[in-house]
Amino acid sequence: MPASAISESPTPAIVATNLSKTFRDFWRRPRVKAVCALTLSVPSGAIYGLLGPNGSGKSTTLKMILGLLFPTSGELSVLGLPPTSPAARRRIGYLPEETRLYPTLTPLEILSFHARLLSLPRPLAKSRADELLASLDLQAAARRPVGAFSKGMARRVGLAVALLGDPDLLILDEPPSGLDPIATRQVKDLMLDLAARGKTILTTSHLLADVQDTCRRVAILHHGHLLAEGPLDDLLQRATETTLSFPTPASPDASQAALQAVATALGLPPASLHLSHPRKSLEEYFLDILAHDPQPPPP
């Protein structure tokens, strides 16, 4: 499902107004201004990307939204409530940048433990755990201790934990970290499906191609300041250029004749137009190659 097909609610899930966070030293002197007068609004039902290089203030912003850090100044509401409100926290799922799991427990045991923390009834907890293990391709490893898992498999278990309570707001800090291309595509499809069901997803990632595949709106931070914010299509559009696509004719001369006709109709010199073939993304090509692999899987 393309990101553009997701319908957003006009009611914002997160509203930050002049939000700032300054870290101080032992004597209360300002040491680092991590976030500076940040104002943004995350619509409900959106997949929203919070982007920026290391040290730009992304993690600090996420921790304020989660109620783990207190703003120095400004206002912040999450799902219409203060971020420290227990009612708000019950409706949030969080995947941190680094997945920390109890190494001797299995995925089933970890999900059962977190289900008890969430006070989920046992039948509901079991059905959700089974559904998440299936959707994240963890069924075969459901009864193996996670201490022996690869980073990518542990990441999928962490995502299952974040989704266990069926949250209205899902906060994902670098969700593709450690995942192979197939698992990355599964996670992106899952994000799009959740947004189509009305869930709000706030995500950070250094993999901008993944952000472009899923996010409809983004905000770009640098040194704690908001540099750009808005719908991704509007931010990336080259308004001074237009692309024309048509099936490749059997004869190269026909392509040149069509190009000449377009240039004449638009009153442009032919040299200002050029022909090229559309390109697949590397991810699309990679998954297509694997899907058509004629070799049988090893026994």
Protein backbone atom coordinates (compact mmCIF):
# COMPACT_ATOMS: atom_id res chain seq x y z
CA MET A 1 0.00 0.00 0.00
CA PRO A 2 1.54 3.36 -0.96
CA ALA A 3 1.94 5.98 1.74
CA SER A 4 -0.22 8.34 -0.28
CA ALA A 5 -3.21 5.99 0.12
CA ILE A 6 -3.28 6.43 3.90
CA SER A 7 -5.95 8.75 5.19
CA GLU A 8 -5.03 11.04 8.06
CA SER A 9 -7.31 12.52 10.69
CA PRO A 10 -7.26 16.30 11.11
CA THR A 11 -6.97 15.79 14.88
CA PRO A 12 -3.27 15.80 15.81
CA ALA A 13 -1.83 12.95 17.86
CA ILE A 14 1.16 15.03 18.99
CA VAL A 15 1.36 18.80 19.32
CA ALA A 16 4.59 20.57 20.32
CA THR A 17 4.65 24.34 20.75
CA ASN A 18 7.95 26.17 21.31
CA LEU A 19 9.32 22.99 22.89
CA SER A 20 12.86 23.32 24.24
CA LYS A 21 15.21 21.13 26.24
CA THR A 22 18.45 22.35 27.78
CA PHE A 23 20.73 19.97 29.65
CA ARG A 24 22.55 21.52 32.61
CA ASP A 25 25.65 20.60 34.57
CA PHE A 26 25.92 19.90 38.31
CA TRP A 27 25.79 23.64 39.10
CA ARG A 28 22.67 24.10 36.93
CA ARG A 29 24.58 25.96 34.25
CA PRO A 30 23.33 25.45 30.67
CA ARG A 31 25.52 22.84 28.98
CA VAL A 32 23.71 21.67 25.83
CA LYS A 33 20.58 23.05 24.20
CA ALA A 34 19.34 19.85 22.57
CA VAL A 35 15.97 21.11 21.28
CA CYS A 36 15.26 24.76 20.49
CA ALA A 37 11.69 26.13 20.28
CA LEU A 38 10.36 23.17 18.32
CA THR A 39 6.82 23.59 16.98
CA LEU A 40 5.17 20.78 15.03
CA SER A 41 1.95 18.79 14.79
CA VAL A 42 1.70 15.06 14.00
CA PRO A 43 -1.71 14.17 12.49
CA SER A 44 -3.53 11.11 13.77
CA GLY A 45 -3.26 8.18 11.37
CA ALA A 46 -0.04 9.50 9.83
CA ILE A 47 3.38 7.91 9.47
CA TYR A 48 5.56 10.85 10.44
CA GLY A 49 9.33 10.90 10.00
CA LEU A 50 11.57 12.79 12.40
CA LEU A 51 14.87 13.17 10.55
CA GLY A 52 18.27 14.63 11.21
CA PRO A 53 21.93 13.72 11.70
CA ASN A 54 23.32 12.46 14.99
CA GLY A 55 23.03 15.12 17.68
CA SER A 56 20.14 16.91 15.98
CA GLY A 57 17.70 16.45 18.90
CA LYS A 58 15.62 13.53 17.59
CA SER A 59 16.13 11.20 20.56
CA THR A 60 15.61 14.02 23.04
CA THR A 61 12.33 14.91 21.33
CA LEU A 62 11.18 11.28 21.43
CA LYS A 63 12.01 11.02 25.13
CA MET A 64 9.98 14.15 25.89
CA ILE A 65 7.04 12.72 23.94
CA LEU A 66 7.37 9.50 25.97
CA GLY A 67 7.46 11.44 29.24
CA LEU A 68 10.99 10.24 30.01
CA LEU A 69 12.42 13.78 29.90
CA PHE A 70 10.81 17.00 31.04
CA PRO A 71 10.90 20.00 28.67
CA THR A 72 12.79 23.08 29.83
CA SER A 73 10.10 25.23 28.26
CA GLY A 74 7.21 25.06 25.83
CA GLU A 75 4.12 22.89 25.64
CA LEU A 76 3.62 19.29 24.57
CA SER A 77 0.50 17.13 24.31
CA VAL A 78 0.33 13.46 23.31
CA LEU A 79 -3.04 12.00 22.30
CA GLY A 80 -4.64 15.08 23.84
CA LEU A 81 -2.98 14.46 27.22
CA PRO A 82 0.25 15.41 29.02
CA PRO A 83 3.03 12.98 28.02
CA THR A 84 3.50 11.88 31.65
CA SER A 85 -0.17 10.91 31.97
CA PRO A 86 -0.68 7.17 32.65
CA ALA A 87 -3.70 7.29 30.31
CA ALA A 88 -1.47 8.52 27.47
CA ARG A 89 1.29 6.01 28.20
CA ARG A 90 -1.14 3.10 28.05
CA ARG A 91 -1.89 4.04 24.44
CA ILE A 92 1.77 4.25 23.30
CA GLY A 93 4.04 1.51 21.96
CA TYR A 94 7.78 2.16 21.85
CA LEU A 95 10.67 0.50 20.05
CA PRO A 96 13.96 1.99 21.30
CA GLU A 97 17.02 2.33 19.10
CA GLU A 98 18.73 -0.60 20.84
CA THR A 99 16.76 -3.77 21.56
CA ARG A 100 17.30 -5.02 25.12
CA LEU A 101 15.75 -8.41 25.87
CA TYR A 102 16.08 -10.98 28.66
CA PRO A 103 18.48 -13.42 26.94
CA THR A 104 17.23 -16.60 28.64
CA LEU A 105 13.57 -16.03 27.71
CA THR A 106 11.88 -17.07 24.48
CA PRO A 107 9.79 -14.67 22.34
CA LEU A 108 6.62 -16.30 23.70
CA GLU A 109 7.79 -15.82 27.29
CA ILE A 110 8.78 -12.21 26.65
CA LEU A 111 5.39 -11.42 25.11
CA SER A 112 3.62 -13.22 27.97
CA PHE A 113 5.58 -11.17 30.51
CA HIS A 114 4.75 -7.88 28.79
CA ALA A 115 1.11 -8.91 28.41
CA ARG A 116 0.91 -9.23 32.20
CA LEU A 117 2.45 -5.77 32.57
CA LEU A 118 -0.29 -4.50 30.25
CA SER A 119 -2.98 -6.40 32.22
CA LEU A 120 -4.17 -8.14 29.07
CA PRO A 121 -6.59 -11.05 29.57
CA ARG A 122 -4.85 -14.35 28.87
CA PRO A 123 -6.88 -15.31 25.75
CA LEU A 124 -6.35 -11.86 24.23
CA ALA A 125 -2.64 -11.93 25.07
CA LYS A 126 -2.25 -15.33 23.40
CA SER A 127 -4.10 -14.32 20.23
CA ARG A 128 -2.10 -11.10 19.89
CA ALA A 129 1.19 -12.90 20.51
CA ASP A 130 0.38 -15.53 17.87
CA GLU A 131 -0.63 -12.85 15.36
CA LEU A 132 2.51 -10.80 15.92
CA LEU A 133 4.85 -13.78 15.77
CA ALA A 134 3.26 -14.77 12.45
CA SER A 135 3.33 -11.28 10.92
CA LEU A 136 6.99 -10.78 11.94
CA ASP A 137 8.08 -14.25 10.76
CA LEU A 138 9.06 -15.42 14.26
CA GLN A 139 6.90 -18.53 14.59
CA ALA A 140 9.76 -20.97 14.00
CA ALA A 141 11.84 -19.29 16.72
CA ALA A 142 9.00 -18.67 19.19
CA ARG A 143 10.37 -21.17 21.75
CA ARG A 144 14.08 -20.45 21.39
CA PRO A 145 15.97 -18.24 23.91
CA VAL A 146 16.51 -14.81 22.39
CA GLY A 147 20.10 -14.66 23.66
CA ALA A 148 21.08 -16.72 20.60
CA PHE A 149 19.17 -14.50 18.15
CA SER A 150 20.75 -12.32 15.52
CA LYS A 151 20.35 -8.57 15.87
CA GLY A 152 17.63 -8.57 13.22
CA MET A 153 15.60 -11.31 14.93
CA ALA A 154 15.91 -9.58 18.30
CA ARG A 155 14.72 -6.40 16.61
CA ARG A 156 11.58 -8.14 15.42
CA VAL A 157 10.88 -9.39 18.95
CA GLY A 158 11.24 -5.81 20.22
CA LEU A 159 8.76 -4.64 17.59
CA ALA A 160 6.31 -7.36 18.66
CA VAL A 161 6.57 -6.11 22.25
CA ALA A 162 5.88 -2.53 21.10
CA LEU A 163 2.77 -3.69 19.23
CA LEU A 164 1.43 -6.07 21.87
CA GLY A 165 -0.89 -3.56 23.54
CA ASP A 166 -2.44 -2.49 20.20
CA PRO A 167 -1.24 1.11 20.76
CA ASP A 168 -2.84 4.17 19.16
CA LEU A 169 0.59 5.80 18.88
CA LEU A 170 3.66 3.80 17.89
CA ILE A 171 7.09 5.39 18.33
CA LEU A 172 9.85 3.64 16.40
CA ASP A 173 13.47 4.72 16.87
CA GLU A 174 15.48 3.44 13.88
CA PRO A 175 13.12 0.49 13.15
CA PRO A 176 15.19 -1.01 10.26
CA SER A 177 18.32 -1.31 12.44
CA GLY A 178 19.80 -4.78 12.01
CA LEU A 179 17.13 -6.03 9.62
CA ASP A 180 17.84 -7.68 6.27
CA PRO A 181 16.04 -6.36 3.16
CA ILE A 182 13.20 -8.90 3.40
CA ALA A 183 12.49 -8.14 7.06
CA THR A 184 12.79 -4.40 6.34
CA ARG A 185 10.11 -4.70 3.66
CA GLN A 186 7.90 -6.65 6.08
CA VAL A 187 8.25 -3.93 8.72
CA LYS A 188 7.47 -1.19 6.20
CA ASP A 189 4.37 -3.06 5.02
CA LEU A 190 3.32 -3.53 8.64
CA MET A 191 3.71 0.22 9.28
CA LEU A 192 1.55 1.05 6.27
CA ASP A 193 -1.08 -1.46 7.37
CA LEU A 194 -1.17 -0.01 10.91
CA ALA A 195 -1.56 3.52 9.56
CA ALA A 196 -4.39 2.35 7.30
CA ARG A 197 -6.11 1.10 10.46
CA GLY A 198 -5.87 4.57 12.01
CA LYS A 199 -2.70 4.13 14.08
CA THR A 200 -0.22 7.00 14.31
CA ILE A 201 3.46 6.19 13.80
CA LEU A 202 6.33 8.51 14.67
CA THR A 203 9.61 7.14 13.36
CA THR A 204 13.24 8.16 13.08
CA SER A 205 15.69 6.63 10.62
CA HIS A 206 18.99 7.36 8.93
CA LEU A 207 17.85 5.22 5.98
CA LEU A 208 16.12 7.93 3.98
CA ALA A 209 14.90 5.53 1.28
CA ASP A 210 12.86 3.70 3.93
CA VAL A 211 11.42 7.00 5.15
CA GLN A 212 10.45 7.89 1.59
CA ASP A 213 8.66 4.54 1.21
CA THR A 214 6.48 4.97 4.31
CA CYS A 215 6.25 8.54 5.59
CA ARG A 216 3.78 11.09 4.29
CA ARG A 217 5.10 13.96 6.37
CA VAL A 218 8.57 14.64 7.75
CA ALA A 219 10.36 17.11 9.96
CA ILE A 220 14.10 17.73 9.59
CA LEU A 221 16.06 18.78 12.68
CA HIS A 222 19.60 20.10 12.90
CA HIS A 223 21.35 21.26 16.08
CA GLY A 224 17.96 21.18 17.80
CA HIS A 225 16.30 23.52 15.29
CA LEU A 226 13.49 22.65 12.88
CA LEU A 227 14.76 23.29 9.34
CA ALA A 228 11.86 21.93 7.28
CA GLU A 229 8.47 20.31 7.86
CA GLY A 230 5.56 19.26 5.70
CA PRO A 231 4.19 16.66 3.27
CA LEU A 232 7.04 14.70 1.73
CA ASP A 233 5.68 15.02 -1.81
CA ASP A 234 5.65 18.81 -1.52
CA LEU A 235 9.17 18.96 -0.06
CA LEU A 236 10.69 16.71 -2.75
CA GLN A 237 8.83 18.00 -5.79
CA ARG A 238 10.89 19.72 -8.49
CA ALA A 239 8.30 22.21 -9.65
CA THR A 240 10.53 23.49 -12.48
CA GLU A 241 10.64 20.08 -14.24
CA THR A 242 7.99 17.74 -15.71
CA THR A 243 8.38 14.04 -16.42
CA LEU A 244 6.72 12.35 -19.42
CA SER A 245 6.56 8.54 -19.47
CA PHE A 246 5.53 6.33 -22.40
CA PRO A 247 6.18 2.71 -23.48
CA THR A 248 9.46 2.26 -25.33
CA PRO A 249 8.79 2.06 -29.13
CA ALA A 250 10.32 -0.75 -31.17
CA SER A 251 12.37 1.77 -33.16
CA PRO A 252 14.77 4.24 -31.45
CA ASP A 253 13.94 6.71 -34.23
CA ALA A 254 10.32 6.76 -33.05
CA SER A 255 11.44 7.85 -29.59
CA GLN A 256 13.46 10.71 -31.05
CA ALA A 257 10.54 11.74 -33.26
CA ALA A 258 8.21 11.76 -30.23
CA LEU A 259 10.75 13.86 -28.31
CA GLN A 260 10.97 16.33 -31.19
CA ALA A 261 7.16 16.57 -31.36
CA VAL A 262 6.91 17.27 -27.61
CA ALA A 263 9.62 19.92 -27.79
CA THR A 264 7.88 21.61 -30.73
CA ALA A 265 4.49 21.54 -28.99
CA LEU A 266 5.97 23.11 -25.84
CA GLY A 267 8.09 25.65 -27.69
CA LEU A 268 11.29 24.27 -26.16
CA PRO A 269 14.65 23.50 -27.81
CA PRO A 270 15.03 19.72 -28.31
CA ALA A 271 18.30 19.78 -26.36
CA SER A 272 16.39 20.72 -23.20
CA LEU A 273 14.57 17.35 -23.24
CA HIS A 274 16.20 13.97 -22.68
CA LEU A 275 15.22 10.31 -22.84
CA SER A 276 15.90 7.74 -20.13
CA HIS A 277 14.40 4.50 -18.82
CA PRO A 278 12.66 4.46 -15.42
CA ARG A 279 14.69 2.74 -12.69
CA LYS A 280 13.62 0.27 -10.03
CA SER A 281 14.72 0.87 -6.49
CA LEU A 282 17.50 -1.45 -5.32
CA GLU A 283 15.10 -2.92 -2.76
CA GLU A 284 12.52 -3.69 -5.46
CA TYR A 285 15.16 -5.33 -7.65
CA PHE A 286 16.61 -7.34 -4.74
CA LEU A 287 13.22 -8.72 -3.64
CA ASP A 288 12.24 -9.49 -7.24
CA ILE A 289 15.45 -11.48 -7.79
CA LEU A 290 14.84 -13.53 -4.63
CA ALA A 291 11.20 -14.16 -5.54
CA HIS A 292 12.24 -15.67 -8.90
CA ASP A 293 15.17 -17.75 -7.61
CA PRO A 294 14.93 -21.12 -9.43
CA GLN A 295 17.13 -22.88 -6.86
CA PRO A 296 15.27 -24.96 -4.26
CA PRO A 297 15.93 -24.11 -0.60
CA PRO A 298 18.59 -26.24 1.10
CA PRO A 299 17.29 -29.25 3.05
